[in-house]
Amino acid sequence: MTLSQNTLLKTLLDSSSYPKEKVLRVLEVLHLTRFMDDKQAKLVRQNKGATFHLAVSGHELIGAVSALALKSGVDWGFPYYRD
């Protein structure tokens, strides 16, 4: 995580305006995202996974918060590749 992400998470945890459970869920998703990103990169290097990998390192916070804000059965999300 970058310094700004650490600062943001600390601010959110210290703030009374956000439930602690939601902030901890975002942190859990951040760690899972980083783990999966690292794992996929290792599999590509070992030629055991996909041959094309787009890393999300540095972008996991906005993705996690956006995904957790979606309402099941109401909102739609479409993946895209940023160029």
N, C-alpha and C. Protein backbone atom coordinates (compact mmCIF):
# COMPACT_ATOMS: atom_id res chain seq x y z
N MET A 1 0.83 -1.18 0.00
CA MET A 1 0.00 0.00 0.00
C MET A 1 0.87 1.24 0.00
N THR A 2 0.41 2.27 -0.60
CA THR A 2 1.15 3.52 -0.63
C THR A 2 0.89 4.31 0.65
N LEU A 3 1.65 5.33 0.84
CA LEU A 3 1.49 6.17 2.03
C LEU A 3 0.10 6.79 2.06
N SER A 4 -0.39 7.24 0.92
CA SER A 4 -1.71 7.87 0.90
C SER A 4 -2.81 6.87 1.26
N GLN A 5 -2.66 5.61 0.84
CA GLN A 5 -3.65 4.60 1.19
C GLN A 5 -3.60 4.33 2.69
N ASN A 6 -2.41 4.24 3.26
CA ASN A 6 -2.29 4.03 4.70
C ASN A 6 -2.91 5.19 5.47
N THR A 7 -2.66 6.41 5.01
CA THR A 7 -3.21 7.59 5.66
C THR A 7 -4.73 7.59 5.57
N LEU A 8 -5.26 7.24 4.39
CA LEU A 8 -6.70 7.21 4.21
C LEU A 8 -7.35 6.16 5.11
N LEU A 9 -6.77 4.98 5.17
CA LEU A 9 -7.34 3.92 6.01
C LEU A 9 -7.28 4.30 7.49
N LYS A 10 -6.18 4.91 7.91
CA LYS A 10 -6.08 5.35 9.31
C LYS A 10 -7.15 6.40 9.61
N THR A 11 -7.33 7.33 8.69
CA THR A 11 -8.34 8.36 8.87
C THR A 11 -9.74 7.76 8.96
N LEU A 12 -10.01 6.80 8.08
CA LEU A 12 -11.33 6.16 8.09
C LEU A 12 -11.56 5.37 9.37
N LEU A 13 -10.52 4.67 9.85
CA LEU A 13 -10.67 3.89 11.09
C LEU A 13 -10.87 4.80 12.29
N ASP A 14 -10.21 5.97 12.28
CA ASP A 14 -10.33 6.90 13.40
C ASP A 14 -11.62 7.72 13.34
N SER A 15 -12.22 7.80 12.16
CA SER A 15 -13.41 8.61 11.97
C SER A 15 -14.64 7.88 12.48
N SER A 16 -15.54 8.62 13.07
CA SER A 16 -16.78 8.01 13.56
C SER A 16 -17.85 7.97 12.47
N SER A 17 -17.58 8.60 11.30
CA SER A 17 -18.58 8.66 10.24
C SER A 17 -18.65 7.37 9.42
N TYR A 18 -17.65 6.51 9.52
CA TYR A 18 -17.65 5.24 8.78
C TYR A 18 -17.66 4.08 9.77
N PRO A 19 -18.54 3.11 9.57
CA PRO A 19 -18.55 1.95 10.45
C PRO A 19 -17.23 1.17 10.33
N LYS A 20 -16.71 0.76 11.45
CA LYS A 20 -15.43 0.05 11.48
C LYS A 20 -15.49 -1.23 10.65
N GLU A 21 -16.65 -1.91 10.62
CA GLU A 21 -16.79 -3.15 9.87
C GLU A 21 -16.57 -2.92 8.37
N LYS A 22 -17.10 -1.81 7.85
CA LYS A 22 -16.93 -1.51 6.43
C LYS A 22 -15.47 -1.21 6.10
N VAL A 23 -14.82 -0.46 6.97
CA VAL A 23 -13.42 -0.13 6.74
C VAL A 23 -12.57 -1.39 6.78
N LEU A 24 -12.84 -2.28 7.72
CA LEU A 24 -12.09 -3.53 7.80
C LEU A 24 -12.36 -4.42 6.59
N ARG A 25 -13.58 -4.39 6.04
CA ARG A 25 -13.90 -5.16 4.83
C ARG A 25 -13.11 -4.61 3.64
N VAL A 26 -12.99 -3.29 3.54
CA VAL A 26 -12.19 -2.69 2.47
C VAL A 26 -10.74 -3.12 2.61
N LEU A 27 -10.21 -3.10 3.82
CA LEU A 27 -8.83 -3.52 4.06
C LEU A 27 -8.64 -4.99 3.69
N GLU A 28 -9.61 -5.83 4.01
CA GLU A 28 -9.54 -7.25 3.65
C GLU A 28 -9.50 -7.43 2.14
N VAL A 29 -10.33 -6.69 1.43
CA VAL A 29 -10.35 -6.77 -0.04
C VAL A 29 -9.04 -6.26 -0.63
N LEU A 30 -8.47 -5.21 -0.03
CA LEU A 30 -7.17 -4.69 -0.50
C LEU A 30 -6.08 -5.75 -0.40
N HIS A 31 -6.02 -6.43 0.72
CA HIS A 31 -5.00 -7.46 0.91
C HIS A 31 -5.24 -8.65 -0.02
N LEU A 32 -6.47 -9.04 -0.19
CA LEU A 32 -6.79 -10.15 -1.10
C LEU A 32 -6.43 -9.78 -2.54
N THR A 33 -6.73 -8.56 -2.93
CA THR A 33 -6.41 -8.11 -4.28
C THR A 33 -4.91 -8.12 -4.52
N ARG A 34 -4.15 -7.61 -3.57
CA ARG A 34 -2.69 -7.58 -3.71
C ARG A 34 -2.12 -8.99 -3.76
N PHE A 35 -2.64 -9.89 -2.91
CA PHE A 35 -2.18 -11.27 -2.91
C PHE A 35 -2.45 -11.93 -4.26
N MET A 36 -3.67 -11.76 -4.79
CA MET A 36 -4.03 -12.38 -6.07
C MET A 36 -3.20 -11.79 -7.21
N ASP A 37 -2.93 -10.51 -7.15
CA ASP A 37 -2.11 -9.87 -8.18
C ASP A 37 -0.69 -10.45 -8.18
N ASP A 38 -0.11 -10.58 -7.00
CA ASP A 38 1.24 -11.16 -6.88
C ASP A 38 1.25 -12.62 -7.33
N LYS A 39 0.23 -13.36 -6.95
CA LYS A 39 0.15 -14.78 -7.32
C LYS A 39 0.03 -14.94 -8.84
N GLN A 40 -0.82 -14.13 -9.46
CA GLN A 40 -0.99 -14.21 -10.91
C GLN A 40 0.32 -13.87 -11.63
N ALA A 41 1.03 -12.87 -11.16
CA ALA A 41 2.31 -12.50 -11.77
C ALA A 41 3.31 -13.65 -11.68
N LYS A 42 3.34 -14.33 -10.53
CA LYS A 42 4.25 -15.48 -10.38
C LYS A 42 3.86 -16.62 -11.32
N LEU A 43 2.56 -16.88 -11.45
CA LEU A 43 2.12 -17.94 -12.36
C LEU A 43 2.46 -17.63 -13.81
N VAL A 44 2.35 -16.38 -14.19
CA VAL A 44 2.70 -15.99 -15.56
C VAL A 44 4.20 -16.20 -15.79
N ARG A 45 5.03 -15.80 -14.83
CA ARG A 45 6.48 -15.98 -14.96
C ARG A 45 6.86 -17.45 -15.03
N GLN A 46 6.10 -18.31 -14.36
CA GLN A 46 6.38 -19.75 -14.36
C GLN A 46 5.70 -20.46 -15.54
N ASN A 47 5.00 -19.71 -16.36
CA ASN A 47 4.26 -20.25 -17.50
C ASN A 47 3.22 -21.28 -17.04
N LYS A 48 2.58 -21.03 -15.92
CA LYS A 48 1.55 -21.92 -15.38
C LYS A 48 0.17 -21.28 -15.38
N GLY A 49 0.11 -20.05 -15.75
CA GLY A 49 -1.18 -19.36 -15.75
C GLY A 49 -1.41 -18.71 -17.09
N ALA A 50 -2.16 -17.66 -17.07
CA ALA A 50 -2.41 -16.92 -18.30
C ALA A 50 -1.11 -16.33 -18.81
N THR A 51 -1.08 -16.02 -20.08
CA THR A 51 0.14 -15.45 -20.66
C THR A 51 0.11 -13.93 -20.65
N PHE A 52 -1.00 -13.35 -20.25
CA PHE A 52 -1.15 -11.90 -20.24
C PHE A 52 -1.71 -11.48 -18.89
N HIS A 53 -1.03 -10.58 -18.22
CA HIS A 53 -1.44 -10.18 -16.88
C HIS A 53 -1.41 -8.67 -16.76
N LEU A 54 -2.51 -8.09 -16.32
CA LEU A 54 -2.57 -6.65 -16.06
C LEU A 54 -2.56 -6.43 -14.55
N ALA A 55 -1.48 -5.88 -14.06
CA ALA A 55 -1.34 -5.66 -12.62
C ALA A 55 -2.26 -4.54 -12.15
N VAL A 56 -2.77 -4.67 -10.94
CA VAL A 56 -3.64 -3.65 -10.36
C VAL A 56 -2.97 -2.95 -9.18
N SER A 57 -1.71 -3.24 -8.94
CA SER A 57 -1.01 -2.63 -7.81
C SER A 57 -1.07 -1.11 -7.90
N GLY A 58 -1.49 -0.50 -6.82
CA GLY A 58 -1.62 0.94 -6.77
C GLY A 58 -3.02 1.43 -7.09
N HIS A 59 -3.86 0.53 -7.58
CA HIS A 59 -5.23 0.90 -7.94
C HIS A 59 -6.25 0.10 -7.13
N GLU A 60 -5.77 -0.69 -6.18
CA GLU A 60 -6.71 -1.58 -5.50
C GLU A 60 -7.69 -0.84 -4.58
N LEU A 61 -7.32 0.28 -4.04
CA LEU A 61 -8.23 0.99 -3.12
C LEU A 61 -9.48 1.49 -3.85
N ILE A 62 -9.31 2.14 -4.98
CA ILE A 62 -10.47 2.66 -5.69
C ILE A 62 -11.34 1.51 -6.21
N GLY A 63 -10.71 0.42 -6.63
CA GLY A 63 -11.48 -0.73 -7.09
C GLY A 63 -12.26 -1.39 -5.96
N ALA A 64 -11.63 -1.52 -4.80
CA ALA A 64 -12.30 -2.15 -3.66
C ALA A 64 -13.48 -1.32 -3.17
N VAL A 65 -13.26 -0.03 -3.03
CA VAL A 65 -14.34 0.84 -2.54
C VAL A 65 -15.49 0.89 -3.55
N SER A 66 -15.15 0.97 -4.83
CA SER A 66 -16.19 1.01 -5.87
C SER A 66 -16.99 -0.29 -5.89
N ALA A 67 -16.30 -1.41 -5.82
CA ALA A 67 -16.98 -2.70 -5.87
C ALA A 67 -17.87 -2.92 -4.65
N LEU A 68 -17.38 -2.53 -3.48
CA LEU A 68 -18.17 -2.73 -2.26
C LEU A 68 -19.37 -1.77 -2.18
N ALA A 69 -19.34 -0.70 -2.96
CA ALA A 69 -20.47 0.24 -2.97
C ALA A 69 -21.61 -0.23 -3.87
N LEU A 70 -21.35 -1.22 -4.74
CA LEU A 70 -22.39 -1.72 -5.64
C LEU A 70 -23.47 -2.46 -4.85
N LYS A 71 -24.70 -2.34 -5.29
CA LYS A 71 -25.82 -3.05 -4.66
C LYS A 71 -26.19 -4.25 -5.52
N SER A 72 -26.19 -5.43 -4.90
CA SER A 72 -26.50 -6.66 -5.62
C SER A 72 -27.92 -6.62 -6.19
N GLY A 73 -28.04 -6.99 -7.47
CA GLY A 73 -29.34 -7.02 -8.12
C GLY A 73 -29.81 -5.67 -8.63
N VAL A 74 -29.07 -4.62 -8.34
CA VAL A 74 -29.47 -3.27 -8.76
C VAL A 74 -28.41 -2.67 -9.69
N ASP A 75 -27.17 -2.68 -9.23
CA ASP A 75 -26.08 -2.05 -9.98
C ASP A 75 -25.40 -3.04 -10.92
N TRP A 76 -24.81 -2.50 -11.96
CA TRP A 76 -24.06 -3.30 -12.92
C TRP A 76 -22.63 -2.78 -12.97
N GLY A 77 -21.70 -3.70 -13.17
CA GLY A 77 -20.31 -3.31 -13.33
C GLY A 77 -19.71 -4.01 -14.53
N PHE A 78 -18.92 -3.28 -15.30
CA PHE A 78 -18.28 -3.85 -16.47
C PHE A 78 -16.77 -3.64 -16.38
N PRO A 79 -15.99 -4.71 -16.48
CA PRO A 79 -14.54 -4.55 -16.44
C PRO A 79 -14.04 -3.86 -17.71
N TYR A 80 -12.95 -3.17 -17.59
CA TYR A 80 -12.36 -2.50 -18.75
C TYR A 80 -10.85 -2.51 -18.61
N TYR A 81 -10.19 -2.24 -19.70
CA TYR A 81 -8.74 -2.13 -19.70
C TYR A 81 -8.38 -0.68 -19.92
N ARG A 82 -7.66 -0.10 -19.00
CA ARG A 82 -7.23 1.29 -19.18
C ARG A 82 -5.96 1.30 -20.02
N ASP A 83 -5.89 2.15 -20.98
CA ASP A 83 -4.75 2.19 -21.88
C ASP A 83 -3.87 3.38 -21.59
